Amino acid sequence: MSISTGHRVLHLWSLCEDVVVEHGDNGNAILLKGRWGAERIDRPAPVVREALRRMELGPVLLANAEAKPDDAETCLVLMHVVSRLSHLVVRTLSVDDLRGPLLSVSPASPQASFAPEPLPPRLPVRLPRDISLTAREAGFALECSKSPHQVVLHRPEAFWVVGMLAWSVTPDVALAELPLPPEVTEGILAYLAAAGMVAPAGADECRTVRA
């Protein structure tokens, strides 16, 4: 069963399982300890405290941690902090259809940063040639020697997009061929590209839309 139109794409955040959050006795600092050392946040805003508390429990919408989701200043403060903590954060792409996440991206290096952006619609892309695909309990894990991330595909829809990338293809062709809402395909491609699991390909190798 595929994703029907009308469902909303969700961008979720959580702390890596090995991250421990410590709050100072006087409330003036938060210390996050992970596999690559510690990160200190001095004088954290209440929204930052609440977001980190929720992210310890699992993937969350950051907007839900804001007292006023339309408060641009509060949003900027929160995004600045969590972006700085990219190497301690798991990013999850999901859909509000109660069938679980599509894929998740975990840091595999202290230099890991993650900022998904839509791919140019006519840019030929494909999987890197040194990518590996391994079956895991939670899905299929994608790893690449040049990537500071690991991607886990949790649902068939994410696997369909990866399958398209076995050959050179442009995002607009992928959107046309896959039986998914465009925002889902775009989101999956953006996450894969931000994780280093998509590489440019020669235009002469690009697939064309089937008639």
N, C-alpha and C. Protein backbone atom coordinates (compact mmCIF):
# COMPACT_ATOMS: atom_id res chain seq x y z
N MET A 1 0.85 -1.19 0.00
CA MET A 1 0.00 0.00 0.00
C MET A 1 0.89 1.24 0.00
N SER A 2 0.66 2.15 -0.95
CA SER A 2 1.45 3.35 -1.07
C SER A 2 0.81 4.49 -0.29
N ILE A 3 1.49 5.63 -0.28
CA ILE A 3 1.00 6.80 0.43
C ILE A 3 -0.01 7.52 -0.43
N SER A 4 -1.18 7.79 0.10
CA SER A 4 -2.20 8.51 -0.64
C SER A 4 -1.99 10.01 -0.50
N THR A 5 -2.55 10.76 -1.44
CA THR A 5 -2.44 12.22 -1.38
C THR A 5 -3.22 12.74 -0.17
N GLY A 6 -2.84 13.91 0.29
CA GLY A 6 -3.52 14.50 1.44
C GLY A 6 -2.79 14.30 2.74
N HIS A 7 -1.79 13.41 2.76
CA HIS A 7 -1.00 13.21 3.97
C HIS A 7 0.16 14.21 4.01
N ARG A 8 0.50 14.64 5.22
CA ARG A 8 1.52 15.65 5.40
C ARG A 8 2.88 15.01 5.65
N VAL A 9 3.92 15.54 5.00
CA VAL A 9 5.29 15.09 5.24
C VAL A 9 5.79 15.73 6.53
N LEU A 10 6.41 14.92 7.38
CA LEU A 10 6.88 15.38 8.69
C LEU A 10 8.40 15.30 8.76
N HIS A 11 9.01 16.37 9.25
CA HIS A 11 10.46 16.40 9.46
C HIS A 11 10.71 16.36 10.97
N LEU A 12 11.26 15.24 11.43
CA LEU A 12 11.38 14.97 12.86
C LEU A 12 12.83 14.99 13.31
N TRP A 13 13.02 15.28 14.60
CA TRP A 13 14.34 15.37 15.20
C TRP A 13 14.38 14.54 16.48
N SER A 14 15.51 13.89 16.72
CA SER A 14 15.71 13.19 17.99
C SER A 14 17.21 13.14 18.28
N LEU A 15 17.56 12.92 19.54
CA LEU A 15 18.96 12.75 19.90
C LEU A 15 19.38 11.31 19.65
N CYS A 16 20.63 11.11 19.28
CA CYS A 16 21.15 9.75 19.13
C CYS A 16 20.97 8.98 20.43
N GLU A 17 20.81 7.68 20.32
CA GLU A 17 20.53 6.84 21.49
C GLU A 17 21.62 6.91 22.54
N ASP A 18 22.87 7.16 22.12
CA ASP A 18 23.97 7.16 23.08
C ASP A 18 24.22 8.54 23.71
N VAL A 19 23.40 9.52 23.39
CA VAL A 19 23.58 10.86 23.93
C VAL A 19 22.92 10.98 25.30
N VAL A 20 23.68 11.48 26.26
CA VAL A 20 23.17 11.70 27.62
C VAL A 20 23.08 13.20 27.85
N VAL A 21 21.93 13.66 28.36
CA VAL A 21 21.72 15.08 28.62
C VAL A 21 21.79 15.32 30.12
N GLU A 22 22.68 16.23 30.52
CA GLU A 22 22.82 16.58 31.94
C GLU A 22 22.48 18.05 32.14
N HIS A 23 21.66 18.33 33.14
CA HIS A 23 21.26 19.70 33.44
C HIS A 23 22.02 20.18 34.68
N GLY A 24 22.61 21.36 34.59
CA GLY A 24 23.34 21.90 35.71
C GLY A 24 22.43 22.18 36.89
N ASP A 25 23.00 22.13 38.09
CA ASP A 25 22.21 22.33 39.31
C ASP A 25 21.55 23.70 39.35
N ASN A 26 22.23 24.70 38.82
CA ASN A 26 21.67 26.06 38.86
C ASN A 26 20.83 26.39 37.64
N GLY A 27 20.71 25.43 36.72
CA GLY A 27 19.88 25.64 35.53
C GLY A 27 20.49 26.55 34.49
N ASN A 28 21.78 26.89 34.64
CA ASN A 28 22.41 27.82 33.71
C ASN A 28 23.07 27.14 32.52
N ALA A 29 23.09 25.82 32.49
CA ALA A 29 23.76 25.13 31.39
C ALA A 29 23.16 23.74 31.19
N ILE A 30 23.33 23.23 29.96
CA ILE A 30 22.98 21.86 29.62
C ILE A 30 24.23 21.23 29.00
N LEU A 31 24.55 20.03 29.40
CA LEU A 31 25.69 19.30 28.87
C LEU A 31 25.20 18.06 28.15
N LEU A 32 25.55 17.93 26.88
CA LEU A 32 25.19 16.75 26.10
C LEU A 32 26.44 15.93 25.85
N LYS A 33 26.44 14.68 26.31
CA LYS A 33 27.60 13.80 26.16
C LYS A 33 27.27 12.70 25.17
N GLY A 34 28.14 12.58 24.14
CA GLY A 34 27.97 11.56 23.13
C GLY A 34 29.27 10.85 22.85
N ARG A 35 29.29 10.07 21.79
CA ARG A 35 30.47 9.25 21.48
C ARG A 35 31.68 10.08 21.10
N TRP A 36 31.46 11.34 20.68
CA TRP A 36 32.58 12.19 20.26
C TRP A 36 32.87 13.31 21.25
N GLY A 37 32.46 13.11 22.49
CA GLY A 37 32.74 14.12 23.49
C GLY A 37 31.49 14.82 23.98
N ALA A 38 31.65 16.02 24.50
CA ALA A 38 30.53 16.74 25.11
C ALA A 38 30.31 18.09 24.44
N GLU A 39 29.06 18.52 24.47
CA GLU A 39 28.67 19.84 23.98
C GLU A 39 27.95 20.56 25.12
N ARG A 40 28.37 21.79 25.39
CA ARG A 40 27.78 22.57 26.46
C ARG A 40 26.93 23.70 25.88
N ILE A 41 25.75 23.86 26.41
CA ILE A 41 24.86 24.96 26.02
C ILE A 41 24.67 25.84 27.25
N ASP A 42 25.20 27.04 27.21
CA ASP A 42 25.09 27.97 28.33
C ASP A 42 23.81 28.79 28.22
N ARG A 43 23.18 29.00 29.37
CA ARG A 43 21.97 29.80 29.47
C ARG A 43 20.95 29.44 28.39
N PRO A 44 20.56 28.16 28.29
CA PRO A 44 19.61 27.76 27.25
C PRO A 44 18.23 28.39 27.45
N ALA A 45 17.62 28.79 26.36
CA ALA A 45 16.27 29.33 26.41
C ALA A 45 15.30 28.20 26.79
N PRO A 46 14.16 28.54 27.39
CA PRO A 46 13.18 27.50 27.76
C PRO A 46 12.79 26.61 26.59
N VAL A 47 12.67 27.18 25.39
CA VAL A 47 12.28 26.37 24.24
C VAL A 47 13.35 25.35 23.90
N VAL A 48 14.62 25.70 24.13
CA VAL A 48 15.71 24.76 23.88
C VAL A 48 15.66 23.61 24.88
N ARG A 49 15.44 23.93 26.14
CA ARG A 49 15.31 22.89 27.18
C ARG A 49 14.17 21.92 26.83
N GLU A 50 13.04 22.48 26.44
CA GLU A 50 11.89 21.65 26.14
C GLU A 50 12.13 20.79 24.91
N ALA A 51 12.75 21.36 23.88
CA ALA A 51 13.03 20.59 22.67
C ALA A 51 13.97 19.42 22.96
N LEU A 52 15.04 19.67 23.72
CA LEU A 52 15.99 18.60 24.04
C LEU A 52 15.35 17.53 24.91
N ARG A 53 14.46 17.94 25.81
CA ARG A 53 13.74 16.96 26.64
C ARG A 53 12.91 16.03 25.76
N ARG A 54 12.23 16.60 24.80
CA ARG A 54 11.41 15.78 23.91
C ARG A 54 12.25 14.93 22.97
N MET A 55 13.37 15.49 22.51
CA MET A 55 14.23 14.75 21.59
C MET A 55 14.90 13.57 22.26
N GLU A 56 15.06 13.61 23.58
CA GLU A 56 15.57 12.45 24.31
C GLU A 56 14.62 11.27 24.23
N LEU A 57 13.32 11.56 24.11
CA LEU A 57 12.30 10.52 24.13
C LEU A 57 12.07 9.88 22.77
N GLY A 58 12.46 10.58 21.70
CA GLY A 58 12.25 10.05 20.36
C GLY A 58 12.02 11.15 19.36
N PRO A 59 11.74 10.80 18.09
CA PRO A 59 11.56 11.80 17.04
C PRO A 59 10.37 12.72 17.32
N VAL A 60 10.61 14.03 17.19
CA VAL A 60 9.56 15.01 17.47
C VAL A 60 9.58 16.11 16.41
N LEU A 61 8.44 16.78 16.28
CA LEU A 61 8.36 18.01 15.50
C LEU A 61 8.87 19.15 16.37
N LEU A 62 9.86 19.87 15.92
CA LEU A 62 10.40 20.95 16.73
C LEU A 62 9.36 22.03 16.98
N ALA A 63 8.45 22.21 16.05
CA ALA A 63 7.42 23.23 16.24
C ALA A 63 6.57 22.97 17.47
N ASN A 64 6.44 21.70 17.85
CA ASN A 64 5.62 21.37 19.02
C ASN A 64 6.28 21.80 20.33
N ALA A 65 7.58 22.08 20.28
CA ALA A 65 8.28 22.50 21.50
C ALA A 65 8.15 24.00 21.72
N GLU A 66 7.65 24.71 20.73
CA GLU A 66 7.54 26.16 20.83
C GLU A 66 6.21 26.56 21.45
N ALA A 67 6.27 27.47 22.41
CA ALA A 67 5.04 27.97 23.01
C ALA A 67 4.20 28.70 21.98
N LYS A 68 4.87 29.42 21.08
CA LYS A 68 4.20 30.14 20.00
C LYS A 68 4.87 29.74 18.69
N PRO A 69 4.31 28.73 17.99
CA PRO A 69 4.97 28.23 16.78
C PRO A 69 5.22 29.29 15.72
N ASP A 70 4.47 30.40 15.75
CA ASP A 70 4.65 31.43 14.74
C ASP A 70 5.65 32.50 15.18
N ASP A 71 6.32 32.29 16.31
CA ASP A 71 7.29 33.25 16.83
C ASP A 71 8.62 33.03 16.10
N ALA A 72 8.94 33.92 15.15
CA ALA A 72 10.12 33.75 14.32
C ALA A 72 11.41 33.79 15.13
N GLU A 73 11.49 34.67 16.13
CA GLU A 73 12.70 34.79 16.93
C GLU A 73 12.96 33.51 17.72
N THR A 74 11.91 32.97 18.33
CA THR A 74 12.06 31.72 19.08
C THR A 74 12.49 30.59 18.17
N CYS A 75 11.91 30.53 16.99
CA CYS A 75 12.26 29.49 16.02
C CYS A 75 13.73 29.59 15.63
N LEU A 76 14.23 30.79 15.40
CA LEU A 76 15.63 30.98 15.02
C LEU A 76 16.57 30.53 16.13
N VAL A 77 16.23 30.85 17.39
CA VAL A 77 17.05 30.44 18.53
C VAL A 77 17.13 28.92 18.59
N LEU A 78 15.99 28.26 18.45
CA LEU A 78 15.94 26.81 18.53
C LEU A 78 16.72 26.17 17.38
N MET A 79 16.50 26.64 16.15
CA MET A 79 17.17 26.07 14.99
C MET A 79 18.68 26.27 15.06
N HIS A 80 19.12 27.39 15.60
CA HIS A 80 20.57 27.64 15.73
C HIS A 80 21.20 26.58 16.64
N VAL A 81 20.54 26.28 17.75
CA VAL A 81 21.10 25.31 18.70
C VAL A 81 21.10 23.90 18.13
N VAL A 82 19.96 23.46 17.60
CA VAL A 82 19.90 22.07 17.13
C VAL A 82 20.76 21.87 15.89
N SER A 83 20.94 22.91 15.08
CA SER A 83 21.83 22.78 13.92
C SER A 83 23.28 22.61 14.37
N ARG A 84 23.65 23.30 15.43
CA ARG A 84 24.99 23.16 16.00
C ARG A 84 25.22 21.74 16.52
N LEU A 85 24.15 21.06 16.91
CA LEU A 85 24.24 19.72 17.47
C LEU A 85 24.00 18.63 16.43
N SER A 86 24.16 18.93 15.15
CA SER A 86 23.85 17.97 14.08
C SER A 86 24.53 16.62 14.28
N HIS A 87 25.75 16.63 14.81
CA HIS A 87 26.49 15.38 14.98
C HIS A 87 25.96 14.53 16.14
N LEU A 88 24.95 15.05 16.86
CA LEU A 88 24.32 14.30 17.95
C LEU A 88 22.85 14.02 17.68
N VAL A 89 22.40 14.36 16.47
CA VAL A 89 20.97 14.34 16.17
C VAL A 89 20.64 13.38 15.04
N VAL A 90 19.55 12.65 15.19
CA VAL A 90 19.00 11.80 14.14
C VAL A 90 17.85 12.56 13.48
N ARG A 91 17.90 12.67 12.17
CA ARG A 91 16.83 13.32 11.42
C ARG A 91 15.96 12.25 10.77
N THR A 92 14.67 12.38 10.92
CA THR A 92 13.73 11.37 10.44
C THR A 92 12.70 12.02 9.52
N LEU A 93 12.47 11.39 8.38
CA LEU A 93 11.43 11.82 7.45
C LEU A 93 10.25 10.86 7.59
N SER A 94 9.07 11.42 7.81
CA SER A 94 7.90 10.59 8.04
C SER A 94 6.68 11.19 7.34
N VAL A 95 5.56 10.52 7.47
CA VAL A 95 4.29 10.97 6.92
C VAL A 95 3.23 10.74 7.98
N ASP A 96 2.25 11.62 8.07
CA ASP A 96 1.24 11.49 9.12
C ASP A 96 0.15 10.48 8.76
N ASP A 97 0.58 9.27 8.36
CA ASP A 97 -0.37 8.21 8.04
C ASP A 97 -0.34 7.06 9.04
N LEU A 98 0.38 7.26 10.16
CA LEU A 98 0.45 6.29 11.26
C LEU A 98 1.10 4.97 10.86
N ARG A 99 1.91 4.98 9.80
CA ARG A 99 2.56 3.75 9.35
C ARG A 99 4.07 3.77 9.59
N GLY A 100 4.53 4.73 10.38
CA GLY A 100 5.94 4.77 10.74
C GLY A 100 6.75 5.63 9.82
N PRO A 101 8.02 5.87 10.18
CA PRO A 101 8.90 6.76 9.40
C PRO A 101 9.29 6.15 8.06
N LEU A 102 9.63 7.02 7.12
CA LEU A 102 10.11 6.59 5.81
C LEU A 102 11.59 6.23 5.87
N LEU A 103 12.38 7.12 6.43
CA LEU A 103 13.81 6.88 6.57
C LEU A 103 14.35 7.75 7.70
N SER A 104 15.53 7.40 8.17
CA SER A 104 16.20 8.19 9.19
C SER A 104 17.66 8.34 8.83
N VAL A 105 18.23 9.48 9.21
CA VAL A 105 19.63 9.79 8.91
C VAL A 105 20.36 10.01 10.23
N SER A 106 21.39 9.20 10.48
CA SER A 106 22.15 9.28 11.73
C SER A 106 23.58 9.74 11.44
N PRO A 107 24.17 10.53 12.33
CA PRO A 107 25.55 10.95 12.13
C PRO A 107 26.52 9.79 12.34
N ALA A 108 27.53 9.72 11.51
CA ALA A 108 28.57 8.70 11.66
C ALA A 108 29.94 9.32 11.81
N SER A 109 29.96 10.64 12.10
CA SER A 109 31.21 11.37 12.23
C SER A 109 30.95 12.61 13.07
N PRO A 110 31.94 13.09 13.82
CA PRO A 110 31.76 14.34 14.57
C PRO A 110 31.65 15.55 13.65
N GLN A 111 31.98 15.39 12.38
CA GLN A 111 31.86 16.49 11.42
C GLN A 111 30.53 16.46 10.67
N ALA A 112 29.65 15.55 11.05
CA ALA A 112 28.39 15.42 10.32
C ALA A 112 27.51 16.65 10.51
N SER A 113 27.09 17.22 9.41
CA SER A 113 26.09 18.29 9.43
C SER A 113 25.02 17.91 8.41
N PHE A 114 23.81 18.36 8.63
CA PHE A 114 22.71 17.88 7.80
C PHE A 114 21.75 19.02 7.51
N ALA A 115 21.61 19.37 6.24
CA ALA A 115 20.74 20.47 5.83
C ALA A 115 20.09 20.11 4.50
N PRO A 116 18.99 19.34 4.53
CA PRO A 116 18.35 18.92 3.28
C PRO A 116 17.75 20.08 2.51
N GLU A 117 17.97 20.06 1.21
CA GLU A 117 17.42 21.05 0.30
C GLU A 117 16.92 20.33 -0.95
N PRO A 118 15.86 20.84 -1.59
CA PRO A 118 15.37 20.21 -2.82
C PRO A 118 16.46 20.16 -3.89
N LEU A 119 16.53 19.05 -4.62
CA LEU A 119 17.48 18.94 -5.72
C LEU A 119 16.96 19.69 -6.94
N PRO A 120 17.84 20.23 -7.76
CA PRO A 120 17.39 20.82 -9.03
C PRO A 120 16.64 19.76 -9.84
N PRO A 121 15.47 20.08 -10.36
CA PRO A 121 14.61 19.06 -10.98
C PRO A 121 15.22 18.35 -12.17
N ARG A 122 16.15 19.01 -12.89
CA ARG A 122 16.71 18.38 -14.09
C ARG A 122 18.18 18.00 -13.93
N LEU A 123 18.64 17.91 -12.71
CA LEU A 123 20.02 17.50 -12.46
C LEU A 123 20.12 15.98 -12.45
N PRO A 124 20.86 15.35 -13.37
CA PRO A 124 21.01 13.89 -13.36
C PRO A 124 21.81 13.44 -12.13
N VAL A 125 21.25 12.52 -11.39
CA VAL A 125 21.90 12.01 -10.18
C VAL A 125 21.78 10.50 -10.12
N ARG A 126 22.55 9.90 -9.23
CA ARG A 126 22.48 8.46 -9.00
C ARG A 126 23.15 8.15 -7.67
N LEU A 127 23.10 6.90 -7.26
CA LEU A 127 23.80 6.47 -6.05
C LEU A 127 25.31 6.50 -6.28
N PRO A 128 26.10 6.85 -5.27
CA PRO A 128 27.56 6.74 -5.41
C PRO A 128 27.94 5.29 -5.68
N ARG A 129 29.01 5.09 -6.39
CA ARG A 129 29.39 3.74 -6.79
C ARG A 129 29.89 2.89 -5.61
N ASP A 130 30.37 3.54 -4.54
CA ASP A 130 30.91 2.78 -3.41
C ASP A 130 29.89 2.64 -2.27
N ILE A 131 28.62 2.78 -2.58
CA ILE A 131 27.60 2.68 -1.55
C ILE A 131 27.34 1.21 -1.20
N SER A 132 26.96 0.97 0.06
CA SER A 132 26.63 -0.39 0.48
C SER A 132 25.22 -0.40 1.07
N LEU A 133 24.53 -1.51 0.90
CA LEU A 133 23.17 -1.68 1.40
C LEU A 133 23.14 -2.94 2.25
N THR A 134 22.78 -2.78 3.53
CA THR A 134 22.81 -3.89 4.47
C THR A 134 21.47 -4.03 5.17
N ALA A 135 20.99 -5.26 5.27
CA ALA A 135 19.73 -5.50 5.97
C ALA A 135 19.93 -5.35 7.47
N ARG A 136 19.05 -4.58 8.10
CA ARG A 136 19.07 -4.38 9.55
C ARG A 136 17.67 -4.68 10.10
N GLU A 137 17.58 -4.79 11.41
CA GLU A 137 16.29 -5.06 12.04
C GLU A 137 15.28 -3.95 11.75
N ALA A 138 15.76 -2.70 11.70
CA ALA A 138 14.86 -1.56 11.49
C ALA A 138 14.64 -1.24 10.02
N GLY A 139 15.31 -1.97 9.11
CA GLY A 139 15.18 -1.69 7.68
C GLY A 139 16.49 -1.96 6.97
N PHE A 140 16.75 -1.24 5.89
CA PHE A 140 17.98 -1.40 5.14
C PHE A 140 18.87 -0.18 5.37
N ALA A 141 20.12 -0.42 5.72
CA ALA A 141 21.05 0.67 6.01
C ALA A 141 21.88 0.97 4.78
N LEU A 142 21.96 2.27 4.43
CA LEU A 142 22.82 2.75 3.35
C LEU A 142 24.05 3.39 3.97
N GLU A 143 25.22 3.01 3.48
CA GLU A 143 26.47 3.61 3.95
C GLU A 143 27.37 3.86 2.77
N CYS A 144 28.17 4.92 2.88
CA CYS A 144 29.10 5.29 1.82
C CYS A 144 30.39 5.75 2.48
N SER A 145 31.51 5.36 1.93
CA SER A 145 32.80 5.66 2.56
C SER A 145 33.05 7.16 2.66
N LYS A 146 32.47 7.95 1.77
CA LYS A 146 32.70 9.38 1.77
C LYS A 146 31.64 10.16 2.53
N SER A 147 30.68 9.47 3.09
CA SER A 147 29.58 10.16 3.77
C SER A 147 29.76 10.12 5.28
N PRO A 148 29.49 11.23 5.99
CA PRO A 148 29.54 11.24 7.45
C PRO A 148 28.22 10.82 8.08
N HIS A 149 27.35 10.18 7.30
CA HIS A 149 26.05 9.76 7.80
C HIS A 149 25.76 8.30 7.46
N GLN A 150 24.79 7.75 8.16
CA GLN A 150 24.20 6.47 7.79
C GLN A 150 22.70 6.70 7.62
N VAL A 151 22.15 6.11 6.57
CA VAL A 151 20.72 6.23 6.30
C VAL A 151 20.07 4.86 6.48
N VAL A 152 18.94 4.83 7.19
CA VAL A 152 18.17 3.60 7.32
C VAL A 152 16.83 3.79 6.63
N LEU A 153 16.53 2.92 5.68
CA LEU A 153 15.27 2.95 4.96
C LEU A 153 14.27 2.09 5.73
N HIS A 154 13.23 2.72 6.25
CA HIS A 154 12.28 2.01 7.10
C HIS A 154 11.06 1.47 6.35
N ARG A 155 10.74 2.09 5.22
CA ARG A 155 9.53 1.71 4.51
C ARG A 155 9.82 1.48 3.03
N PRO A 156 8.96 0.69 2.34
CA PRO A 156 9.20 0.42 0.92
C PRO A 156 9.27 1.67 0.06
N GLU A 157 8.50 2.70 0.42
CA GLU A 157 8.50 3.92 -0.40
C GLU A 157 9.90 4.53 -0.51
N ALA A 158 10.64 4.52 0.59
CA ALA A 158 12.01 5.04 0.55
C ALA A 158 12.90 4.14 -0.32
N PHE A 159 12.65 2.85 -0.26
CA PHE A 159 13.42 1.91 -1.07
C PHE A 159 13.13 2.10 -2.56
N TRP A 160 11.89 2.45 -2.90
CA TRP A 160 11.56 2.70 -4.30
C TRP A 160 12.40 3.84 -4.87
N VAL A 161 12.54 4.90 -4.08
CA VAL A 161 13.33 6.05 -4.54
C VAL A 161 14.79 5.65 -4.72
N VAL A 162 15.33 4.91 -3.76
CA VAL A 162 16.72 4.44 -3.87
C VAL A 162 16.87 3.56 -5.11
N GLY A 163 15.88 2.73 -5.39
CA GLY A 163 15.94 1.88 -6.57
C GLY A 163 16.04 2.68 -7.86
N MET A 164 15.35 3.83 -7.92
CA MET A 164 15.44 4.69 -9.10
C MET A 164 16.87 5.21 -9.29
N LEU A 165 17.58 5.40 -8.18
CA LEU A 165 18.91 5.98 -8.22
C LEU A 165 20.00 4.96 -8.57
N ALA A 166 19.63 3.72 -8.81
CA ALA A 166 20.61 2.73 -9.26
C ALA A 166 21.10 3.08 -10.66
N TRP A 167 20.31 3.86 -11.39
CA TRP A 167 20.69 4.39 -12.70
C TRP A 167 20.62 5.91 -12.64
N SER A 168 21.22 6.56 -13.61
CA SER A 168 21.13 8.00 -13.67
C SER A 168 19.68 8.43 -13.92
N VAL A 169 19.22 9.39 -13.13
CA VAL A 169 17.84 9.86 -13.24
C VAL A 169 17.77 11.30 -12.74
N THR A 170 16.85 12.07 -13.29
CA THR A 170 16.64 13.42 -12.79
C THR A 170 15.47 13.40 -11.80
N PRO A 171 15.46 14.31 -10.82
CA PRO A 171 14.36 14.33 -9.86
C PRO A 171 12.99 14.47 -10.51
N ASP A 172 12.87 15.25 -11.60
CA ASP A 172 11.56 15.39 -12.22
C ASP A 172 11.08 14.08 -12.83
N VAL A 173 12.00 13.27 -13.34
CA VAL A 173 11.62 11.95 -13.86
C VAL A 173 11.22 11.03 -12.72
N ALA A 174 11.96 11.06 -11.62
CA ALA A 174 11.61 10.24 -10.46
C ALA A 174 10.21 10.60 -9.95
N LEU A 175 9.90 11.89 -9.90
CA LEU A 175 8.58 12.32 -9.46
C LEU A 175 7.49 11.81 -10.39
N ALA A 176 7.78 11.79 -11.69
CA ALA A 176 6.79 11.35 -12.67
C ALA A 176 6.57 9.84 -12.65
N GLU A 177 7.61 9.09 -12.37
CA GLU A 177 7.52 7.62 -12.48
C GLU A 177 7.06 6.94 -11.20
N LEU A 178 7.38 7.51 -10.05
CA LEU A 178 7.06 6.84 -8.80
C LEU A 178 5.61 7.11 -8.37
N PRO A 179 4.93 6.09 -7.85
CA PRO A 179 3.53 6.25 -7.42
C PRO A 179 3.42 6.86 -6.02
N LEU A 180 4.06 8.02 -5.85
CA LEU A 180 4.10 8.68 -4.55
C LEU A 180 3.71 10.14 -4.72
N PRO A 181 3.15 10.77 -3.68
CA PRO A 181 2.94 12.21 -3.75
C PRO A 181 4.27 12.92 -4.00
N PRO A 182 4.29 13.96 -4.82
CA PRO A 182 5.56 14.62 -5.17
C PRO A 182 6.36 15.07 -3.95
N GLU A 183 5.68 15.57 -2.90
CA GLU A 183 6.42 16.05 -1.74
C GLU A 183 7.13 14.92 -1.00
N VAL A 184 6.63 13.70 -1.12
CA VAL A 184 7.28 12.55 -0.48
C VAL A 184 8.56 12.20 -1.24
N THR A 185 8.45 12.08 -2.56
CA THR A 185 9.64 11.79 -3.37
C THR A 185 10.69 12.88 -3.21
N GLU A 186 10.26 14.14 -3.24
CA GLU A 186 11.19 15.26 -3.08
C GLU A 186 11.89 15.21 -1.72
N GLY A 187 11.12 14.89 -0.68
CA GLY A 187 11.70 14.82 0.66
C GLY A 187 12.73 13.71 0.78
N ILE A 188 12.40 12.54 0.24
CA ILE A 188 13.34 11.42 0.30
C ILE A 188 14.62 11.76 -0.45
N LEU A 189 14.49 12.32 -1.64
CA LEU A 189 15.67 12.70 -2.42
C LEU A 189 16.52 13.74 -1.69
N ALA A 190 15.85 14.72 -1.07
CA ALA A 190 16.59 15.75 -0.35
C ALA A 190 17.36 15.18 0.82
N TYR A 191 16.75 14.25 1.56
CA TYR A 191 17.43 13.63 2.70
C TYR A 191 18.60 12.78 2.23
N LEU A 192 18.40 12.01 1.17
CA LEU A 192 19.48 11.18 0.66
C LEU A 192 20.65 12.03 0.19
N ALA A 193 20.34 13.13 -0.51
CA ALA A 193 21.40 14.01 -1.01
C ALA A 193 22.15 14.67 0.13
N ALA A 194 21.42 15.16 1.15
CA ALA A 194 22.07 15.82 2.28
C ALA A 194 22.94 14.85 3.07
N ALA A 195 22.60 13.57 3.02
CA ALA A 195 23.38 12.55 3.72
C ALA A 195 24.55 12.04 2.89
N GLY A 196 24.72 12.55 1.67
CA GLY A 196 25.82 12.11 0.83
C GLY A 196 25.57 10.82 0.11
N MET A 197 24.30 10.42 -0.04
CA MET A 197 23.96 9.17 -0.70
C MET A 197 23.52 9.37 -2.15
N VAL A 198 23.70 10.58 -2.68
CA VAL A 198 23.37 10.90 -4.07
C VAL A 198 24.56 11.61 -4.68
N ALA A 199 24.92 11.20 -5.89
CA ALA A 199 26.06 11.80 -6.59
C ALA A 199 25.61 12.29 -7.96
N PRO A 200 26.24 13.35 -8.49
CA PRO A 200 25.93 13.79 -9.85
C PRO A 200 26.25 12.69 -10.85
N ALA A 201 25.47 12.66 -11.94
CA ALA A 201 25.69 11.67 -12.99
C ALA A 201 25.74 12.38 -14.33
N GLY A 202 26.31 11.70 -15.33
CA GLY A 202 26.39 12.29 -16.66
C GLY A 202 25.02 12.38 -17.30
N ALA A 203 24.72 13.48 -17.96
CA ALA A 203 23.41 13.67 -18.58
C ALA A 203 23.13 12.63 -19.65
N ASP A 204 24.20 12.10 -20.28
CA ASP A 204 23.98 11.12 -21.33
C ASP A 204 23.52 9.79 -20.78
N GLU A 205 23.62 9.59 -19.45
CA GLU A 205 23.18 8.34 -18.84
C GLU A 205 21.75 8.43 -18.32
N CYS A 206 21.15 9.60 -18.40
CA CYS A 206 19.89 9.86 -17.70
C CYS A 206 18.74 9.07 -18.31
N ARG A 207 17.88 8.57 -17.42
CA ARG A 207 16.69 7.86 -17.86
C ARG A 207 15.66 8.84 -18.40
N THR A 208 14.78 8.35 -19.23
CA THR A 208 13.69 9.16 -19.74
C THR A 208 12.37 8.61 -19.21
N VAL A 209 11.34 9.46 -19.21
CA VAL A 209 10.03 9.02 -18.73
C VAL A 209 9.45 7.99 -19.68
N ARG A 210 8.92 6.94 -19.14
CA ARG A 210 8.26 5.91 -19.97
C ARG A 210 6.97 6.46 -20.53
N ALA A 211 6.68 6.07 -21.75
CA ALA A 211 5.42 6.52 -22.38
C ALA A 211 4.24 5.80 -21.78
